[in-house]
């Protein structure tokens, strides 16, 4: 890779790192975090979760695309930062 491209990627990764996992991983992590959160809330409030299993499944299915959206947002932020760093390096904004 050319030195100025590598320098721009490194500078952009400092404040807008690229997501390292796939969209599927982000979705699965979103589902897992939602499920663990529901389990914790159920334990805290002493609410049995089995009667409300359908709500937990629906919530998990909603959390999956939210995780994918988060990855897409982070990727877009990284690409925008990379483009800004390329422009800045080309214009001589930094040494």
C-alpha atoms as a PDB file:
ATOM      1  CA  UNK A   1       0.000   0.000   0.000  1.00  0.00           C
ATOM      2  CA  UNK A   2       1.244   3.484  -0.755  1.00  0.00           C
ATOM      3  CA  UNK A   3       2.683   5.408   2.221  1.00  0.00           C
ATOM      4  CA  UNK A   4       0.192   8.278   2.112  1.00  0.00           C
ATOM      5  CA  UNK A   5      -2.755   5.866   1.997  1.00  0.00           C
ATOM      6  CA  UNK A   6      -1.380   3.935   4.962  1.00  0.00           C
ATOM      7  CA  UNK A   7      -0.759   7.166   6.862  1.00  0.00           C
ATOM      8  CA  UNK A   8      -4.331   8.328   6.205  1.00  0.00           C
ATOM      9  CA  UNK A   9      -5.759   4.972   7.300  1.00  0.00           C
ATOM     10  CA  UNK A  10      -3.689   5.015  10.494  1.00  0.00           C
ATOM     11  CA  UNK A  11      -4.727   8.603  11.306  1.00  0.00           C
ATOM     12  CA  UNK A  12      -8.405   7.832  10.674  1.00  0.00           C
ATOM     13  CA  UNK A  13      -8.231   4.694  12.822  1.00  0.00           C
ATOM     14  CA  UNK A  14      -7.138   6.851  15.746  1.00  0.00           C
ATOM     15  CA  UNK A  15     -10.521   8.560  16.098  1.00  0.00           C
ATOM     16  CA  UNK A  16     -12.854   6.422  13.949  1.00  0.00           C
ATOM     17  CA  UNK A  17     -11.622   2.811  13.981  1.00  0.00           C
ATOM     18  CA  UNK A  18     -12.996   0.440  11.375  1.00  0.00           C
ATOM     19  CA  UNK A  19     -15.236  -2.347  12.674  1.00  0.00           C
ATOM     20  CA  UNK A  20     -13.332  -5.609  12.740  1.00  0.00           C
ATOM     21  CA  UNK A  21     -16.228  -8.062  12.981  1.00  0.00           C
ATOM     22  CA  UNK A  22     -18.748  -8.970  10.304  1.00  0.00           C
ATOM     23  CA  UNK A  23     -22.336  -7.744  10.186  1.00  0.00           C
ATOM     24  CA  UNK A  24     -23.507 -11.183  11.287  1.00  0.00           C
ATOM     25  CA  UNK A  25     -21.286 -11.006  14.368  1.00  0.00           C
ATOM     26  CA  UNK A  26     -22.619  -7.543  15.238  1.00  0.00           C
ATOM     27  CA  UNK A  27     -26.188  -8.823  14.915  1.00  0.00           C
ATOM     28  CA  UNK A  28     -25.518 -11.881  17.060  1.00  0.00           C
ATOM     29  CA  UNK A  29     -23.801  -9.762  19.717  1.00  0.00           C
ATOM     30  CA  UNK A  30     -26.792  -7.417  19.710  1.00  0.00           C
ATOM     31  CA  UNK A  31     -29.120 -10.357  20.276  1.00  0.00           C
ATOM     32  CA  UNK A  32     -26.918 -11.745  23.052  1.00  0.00           C
ATOM     33  CA  UNK A  33     -26.663  -8.391  24.829  1.00  0.00           C
ATOM     34  CA  UNK A  34     -30.425  -7.936  24.673  1.00  0.00           C
ATOM     35  CA  UNK A  35     -31.032 -11.437  26.020  1.00  0.00           C
ATOM     36  CA  UNK A  36     -28.557 -11.015  28.868  1.00  0.00           C
ATOM     37  CA  UNK A  37     -30.107  -7.646  29.681  1.00  0.00           C
ATOM     38  CA  UNK A  38     -33.574  -9.177  29.805  1.00  0.00           C
ATOM     39  CA  UNK A  39     -32.298 -12.028  31.971  1.00  0.00           C
ATOM     40  CA  UNK A  40     -30.660  -9.542  34.360  1.00  0.00           C
ATOM     41  CA  UNK A  41     -33.797  -7.411  34.552  1.00  0.00           C
ATOM     42  CA  UNK A  42     -35.906 -10.521  35.167  1.00  0.00           C
ATOM     43  CA  UNK A  43     -33.612 -11.650  37.971  1.00  0.00           C
ATOM     44  CA  UNK A  44     -33.486  -8.170  39.515  1.00  0.00           C
ATOM     45  CA  UNK A  45     -37.261  -7.713  39.511  1.00  0.00           C
ATOM     46  CA  UNK A  46     -37.931 -11.411  40.231  1.00  0.00           C
ATOM     47  CA  UNK A  47     -40.064 -11.826  37.107  1.00  0.00           C
ATOM     48  CA  UNK A  48     -40.217 -15.275  35.516  1.00  0.00           C
ATOM     49  CA  UNK A  49     -39.135 -15.023  31.885  1.00  0.00           C
ATOM     50  CA  UNK A  50     -40.660 -18.228  30.506  1.00  0.00           C
ATOM     51  CA  UNK A  51     -44.214 -16.763  30.318  1.00  0.00           C
ATOM     52  CA  UNK A  52     -42.770 -13.794  28.423  1.00  0.00           C
ATOM     53  CA  UNK A  53     -40.574 -15.802  26.083  1.00  0.00           C
ATOM     54  CA  UNK A  54     -42.308 -14.527  22.943  1.00  0.00           C
ATOM     55  CA  UNK A  55     -41.529 -10.928  23.913  1.00  0.00           C
ATOM     56  CA  UNK A  56     -37.887 -11.836  24.503  1.00  0.00           C
ATOM     57  CA  UNK A  57     -37.662 -13.527  21.093  1.00  0.00           C
ATOM     58  CA  UNK A  58     -39.258 -10.531  19.369  1.00  0.00           C
ATOM     59  CA  UNK A  59     -36.910  -8.180  21.207  1.00  0.00           C
ATOM     60  CA  UNK A  60     -33.915 -10.292  20.194  1.00  0.00           C
ATOM     61  CA  UNK A  61     -35.047 -10.271  16.578  1.00  0.00           C
ATOM     62  CA  UNK A  62     -35.264  -6.485  16.737  1.00  0.00           C
ATOM     63  CA  UNK A  63     -31.805  -6.279  18.338  1.00  0.00           C
ATOM     64  CA  UNK A  64     -30.256  -8.191  15.405  1.00  0.00           C
ATOM     65  CA  UNK A  65     -30.791  -5.463  12.768  1.00  0.00           C
ATOM     66  CA  UNK A  66     -29.841  -2.824  15.351  1.00  0.00           C
ATOM     67  CA  UNK A  67     -26.440  -4.505  15.644  1.00  0.00           C
ATOM     68  CA  UNK A  68     -26.086  -4.551  11.856  1.00  0.00           C
ATOM     69  CA  UNK A  69     -27.057  -0.872  11.718  1.00  0.00           C
ATOM     70  CA  UNK A  70     -24.400  -0.071  14.329  1.00  0.00           C
ATOM     71  CA  UNK A  71     -21.704  -1.788  12.242  1.00  0.00           C
ATOM     72  CA  UNK A  72     -22.820   0.071   9.129  1.00  0.00           C
ATOM     73  CA  UNK A  73     -22.701   3.375  11.020  1.00  0.00           C
ATOM     74  CA  UNK A  74     -19.197   2.657  12.356  1.00  0.00           C
ATOM     75  CA  UNK A  75     -17.983   1.614   8.905  1.00  0.00           C
ATOM     76  CA  UNK A  76     -19.397   4.781   7.336  1.00  0.00           C
ATOM     77  CA  UNK A  77     -17.745   6.894  10.065  1.00  0.00           C
ATOM     78  CA  UNK A  78     -14.394   5.225   9.357  1.00  0.00           C
ATOM     79  CA  UNK A  79     -14.686   5.697   5.583  1.00  0.00           C
ATOM     80  CA  UNK A  80     -15.592   9.370   6.044  1.00  0.00           C
ATOM     81  CA  UNK A  81     -12.638   9.880   8.397  1.00  0.00           C
ATOM     82  CA  UNK A  82     -10.317   8.118   5.940  1.00  0.00           C
ATOM     83  CA  UNK A  83     -11.481  10.337   3.081  1.00  0.00           C
ATOM     84  CA  UNK A  84     -11.033  13.437   5.248  1.00  0.00           C
ATOM     85  CA  UNK A  85      -7.505  12.341   6.163  1.00  0.00           C
ATOM     86  CA  UNK A  86      -6.646  11.788   2.490  1.00  0.00           C
ATOM     87  CA  UNK A  87      -7.851  15.293   1.662  1.00  0.00           C
ATOM     88  CA  UNK A  88      -5.944  16.720   4.621  1.00  0.00           C
ATOM     89  CA  UNK A  89      -2.738  14.916   3.634  1.00  0.00           C
ATOM     90  CA  UNK A  90      -3.118  16.110   0.050  1.00  0.00           C
ATOM     91  CA  UNK A  91      -3.680  19.712   1.136  1.00  0.00           C
ATOM     92  CA  UNK A  92      -0.832  19.630   3.649  1.00  0.00           C
ATOM     93  CA  UNK A  93      -2.932  20.152   6.770  1.00  0.00           C
ATOM     94  CA  UNK A  94      -0.515  18.165   8.946  1.00  0.00           C
ATOM     95  CA  UNK A  95       3.146  17.423   8.975  1.00  0.00           C
END
